[in-house]
Structure formats: structure tokens, C-alpha cells
N, C-alpha and C. Protein backbone atom coordinates (compact mmCIF):
# COMPACT_ATOMS: atom_id res chain seq x y z
N MET A 1 16.84 47.98 -6.42
CA MET A 1 15.50 48.50 -6.17
C MET A 1 14.54 47.33 -6.00
N GLY A 2 13.67 47.39 -4.98
CA GLY A 2 12.75 46.29 -4.70
C GLY A 2 11.54 46.30 -5.61
N GLN A 3 10.89 45.16 -5.65
CA GLN A 3 9.67 45.04 -6.45
C GLN A 3 8.51 45.69 -5.72
N GLN A 4 7.57 46.20 -6.50
CA GLN A 4 6.35 46.78 -5.95
C GLN A 4 5.48 45.67 -5.36
N VAL A 5 4.89 45.94 -4.21
CA VAL A 5 3.98 45.00 -3.56
C VAL A 5 2.56 45.41 -3.93
N TYR A 6 1.75 44.43 -4.33
CA TYR A 6 0.36 44.68 -4.71
C TYR A 6 -0.57 43.97 -3.73
N LEU A 7 -1.67 44.63 -3.40
CA LEU A 7 -2.62 44.11 -2.42
C LEU A 7 -3.99 43.88 -3.06
N ARG A 8 -4.71 42.92 -2.51
CA ARG A 8 -6.08 42.66 -2.94
C ARG A 8 -7.00 43.72 -2.35
N THR A 9 -8.17 43.86 -2.95
CA THR A 9 -9.14 44.85 -2.51
C THR A 9 -9.47 44.71 -1.02
N GLY A 10 -9.68 43.48 -0.56
CA GLY A 10 -10.01 43.25 0.84
C GLY A 10 -8.88 43.65 1.78
N GLU A 11 -7.64 43.41 1.35
CA GLU A 11 -6.48 43.79 2.16
C GLU A 11 -6.38 45.31 2.28
N VAL A 12 -6.62 45.99 1.17
CA VAL A 12 -6.59 47.46 1.18
C VAL A 12 -7.68 47.99 2.10
N ALA A 13 -8.87 47.43 2.00
CA ALA A 13 -9.99 47.87 2.85
C ALA A 13 -9.64 47.70 4.32
N GLU A 14 -9.06 46.57 4.66
CA GLU A 14 -8.70 46.32 6.06
C GLU A 14 -7.66 47.32 6.55
N LEU A 15 -6.65 47.60 5.74
CA LEU A 15 -5.61 48.55 6.13
C LEU A 15 -6.16 49.96 6.31
N LEU A 16 -7.14 50.32 5.49
CA LEU A 16 -7.71 51.67 5.55
C LEU A 16 -8.92 51.77 6.46
N GLY A 17 -9.41 50.64 6.96
CA GLY A 17 -10.55 50.65 7.87
C GLY A 17 -11.86 50.98 7.19
N VAL A 18 -12.01 50.54 5.94
CA VAL A 18 -13.25 50.78 5.20
C VAL A 18 -13.76 49.46 4.63
N ASN A 19 -14.97 49.49 4.10
CA ASN A 19 -15.57 48.32 3.49
C ASN A 19 -14.94 48.05 2.12
N PRO A 20 -14.76 46.79 1.73
CA PRO A 20 -14.23 46.51 0.39
C PRO A 20 -15.03 47.18 -0.73
N ARG A 21 -16.33 47.37 -0.53
CA ARG A 21 -17.14 48.07 -1.55
C ARG A 21 -16.65 49.50 -1.74
N THR A 22 -16.19 50.11 -0.65
CA THR A 22 -15.66 51.47 -0.74
C THR A 22 -14.42 51.50 -1.63
N ILE A 23 -13.55 50.51 -1.47
CA ILE A 23 -12.35 50.44 -2.30
C ILE A 23 -12.74 50.25 -3.76
N ARG A 24 -13.69 49.37 -4.03
CA ARG A 24 -14.13 49.17 -5.41
C ARG A 24 -14.73 50.44 -6.01
N ARG A 25 -15.46 51.19 -5.18
CA ARG A 25 -16.04 52.46 -5.65
C ARG A 25 -14.93 53.47 -5.95
N TRP A 26 -13.92 53.56 -5.06
CA TRP A 26 -12.80 54.47 -5.29
C TRP A 26 -12.06 54.10 -6.58
N ILE A 27 -11.93 52.80 -6.82
CA ILE A 27 -11.28 52.34 -8.06
C ILE A 27 -12.11 52.79 -9.26
N ALA A 28 -13.42 52.58 -9.20
CA ALA A 28 -14.31 52.96 -10.31
C ALA A 28 -14.26 54.47 -10.56
N LEU A 29 -14.11 55.25 -9.50
CA LEU A 29 -14.05 56.71 -9.61
C LEU A 29 -12.63 57.20 -9.90
N ARG A 30 -11.71 56.25 -10.03
CA ARG A 30 -10.29 56.55 -10.30
C ARG A 30 -9.66 57.40 -9.21
N GLN A 31 -10.11 57.19 -7.97
CA GLN A 31 -9.52 57.89 -6.84
C GLN A 31 -8.35 57.09 -6.26
N ILE A 32 -8.21 55.87 -6.72
CA ILE A 32 -7.12 55.01 -6.26
C ILE A 32 -6.61 54.22 -7.47
N ARG A 33 -5.29 54.17 -7.61
CA ARG A 33 -4.68 53.46 -8.74
C ARG A 33 -4.74 51.96 -8.51
N CYS A 34 -4.92 51.22 -9.58
CA CYS A 34 -4.88 49.76 -9.49
C CYS A 34 -4.67 49.19 -10.87
N PHE A 35 -4.48 47.90 -10.93
CA PHE A 35 -4.50 47.22 -12.22
C PHE A 35 -5.38 46.00 -12.06
N THR A 36 -5.89 45.53 -13.18
CA THR A 36 -6.78 44.37 -13.18
C THR A 36 -6.02 43.18 -13.73
N THR A 37 -6.08 42.07 -13.01
CA THR A 37 -5.41 40.85 -13.44
C THR A 37 -6.17 40.24 -14.61
N PRO A 38 -5.55 39.32 -15.35
CA PRO A 38 -6.27 38.64 -16.43
C PRO A 38 -7.54 37.94 -15.94
N GLY A 39 -7.58 37.57 -14.65
CA GLY A 39 -8.76 36.93 -14.08
C GLY A 39 -9.83 37.92 -13.64
N GLY A 40 -9.57 39.23 -13.82
CA GLY A 40 -10.57 40.24 -13.49
C GLY A 40 -10.51 40.78 -12.07
N GLU A 41 -9.47 40.45 -11.32
CA GLU A 41 -9.35 40.94 -9.94
C GLU A 41 -8.48 42.19 -9.92
N ASN A 42 -8.84 43.13 -9.03
CA ASN A 42 -8.07 44.36 -8.90
C ASN A 42 -6.92 44.16 -7.92
N ARG A 43 -5.79 44.80 -8.24
CA ARG A 43 -4.63 44.81 -7.36
C ARG A 43 -4.19 46.26 -7.20
N VAL A 44 -3.98 46.66 -5.95
CA VAL A 44 -3.61 48.03 -5.63
C VAL A 44 -2.17 48.04 -5.14
N PRO A 45 -1.33 48.94 -5.68
CA PRO A 45 0.03 49.02 -5.18
C PRO A 45 0.04 49.47 -3.72
N LYS A 46 0.92 48.87 -2.93
CA LYS A 46 1.02 49.25 -1.52
C LYS A 46 1.36 50.73 -1.39
N SER A 47 2.12 51.25 -2.33
CA SER A 47 2.47 52.68 -2.31
C SER A 47 1.23 53.56 -2.40
N GLU A 48 0.19 53.07 -3.06
CA GLU A 48 -1.06 53.81 -3.17
C GLU A 48 -1.77 53.87 -1.81
N VAL A 49 -1.73 52.77 -1.07
CA VAL A 49 -2.30 52.75 0.28
C VAL A 49 -1.54 53.73 1.17
N GLU A 50 -0.22 53.72 1.06
CA GLU A 50 0.61 54.63 1.85
C GLU A 50 0.29 56.09 1.51
N ARG A 51 0.05 56.37 0.23
CA ARG A 51 -0.32 57.73 -0.19
C ARG A 51 -1.62 58.17 0.46
N ILE A 52 -2.60 57.29 0.49
CA ILE A 52 -3.90 57.61 1.08
C ILE A 52 -3.75 57.84 2.58
N LEU A 53 -2.94 57.02 3.23
CA LEU A 53 -2.75 57.17 4.67
C LEU A 53 -2.05 58.48 5.03
N ARG A 54 -1.26 59.03 4.12
CA ARG A 54 -0.56 60.30 4.37
C ARG A 54 -1.47 61.51 4.20
N GLN A 55 -2.60 61.34 3.52
CA GLN A 55 -3.50 62.47 3.26
C GLN A 55 -4.19 62.87 4.55
N PRO A 56 -4.37 64.18 4.75
CA PRO A 56 -5.11 64.63 5.94
C PRO A 56 -6.58 64.22 5.84
N LEU A 57 -7.17 63.93 6.98
CA LEU A 57 -8.59 63.58 7.02
C LEU A 57 -9.43 64.83 6.84
N PRO A 58 -10.59 64.72 6.18
CA PRO A 58 -11.46 65.90 6.04
C PRO A 58 -12.03 66.30 7.39
N SER A 59 -12.26 67.58 7.56
CA SER A 59 -12.86 68.06 8.80
C SER A 59 -14.33 67.66 8.82
N PRO A 60 -14.93 67.54 10.02
CA PRO A 60 -16.36 67.17 10.09
C PRO A 60 -17.25 68.15 9.32
N GLU A 61 -16.85 69.43 9.25
CA GLU A 61 -17.65 70.41 8.53
C GLU A 61 -17.68 70.12 7.03
N ALA A 62 -16.62 69.49 6.52
CA ALA A 62 -16.54 69.19 5.09
C ALA A 62 -17.38 67.98 4.70
N LEU A 63 -17.81 67.21 5.67
CA LEU A 63 -18.58 65.99 5.37
C LEU A 63 -20.04 66.26 5.19
């Protein structure tokens, strides 16, 4: 079994096409799983990014 790949906040934002602040807000709201390094930086599992990408987009009426 392979090791889990972890991404920095900026990498996650780029993959999802959003601002890094959005990723930090999602982390604060616990909408995205992550862990914090001893240095205080967030790391998001790549599997979490894949989970988000599989979710259907909200319809314009829902926004």
C-alpha cells in the first residue's frame, strides 16, 4: 500500500481553481480535512482534493 500524499494550501487552491484563502476558510469550517505541521502549516491529503473534485457542482439557483 502506498503512502498518502499531502499538499500545501496553495497547491490545493491551484488544483481546485480557488484562492488559497478559500482553502484556509474551508479548513477553519472543517469542510476539508487537513493536519497542521509542528511549524503551523496545513497539509491536505490528496485524497481529500480528489473527494472534492468528485462532488457535483451546485446549481446557479443554489448560489
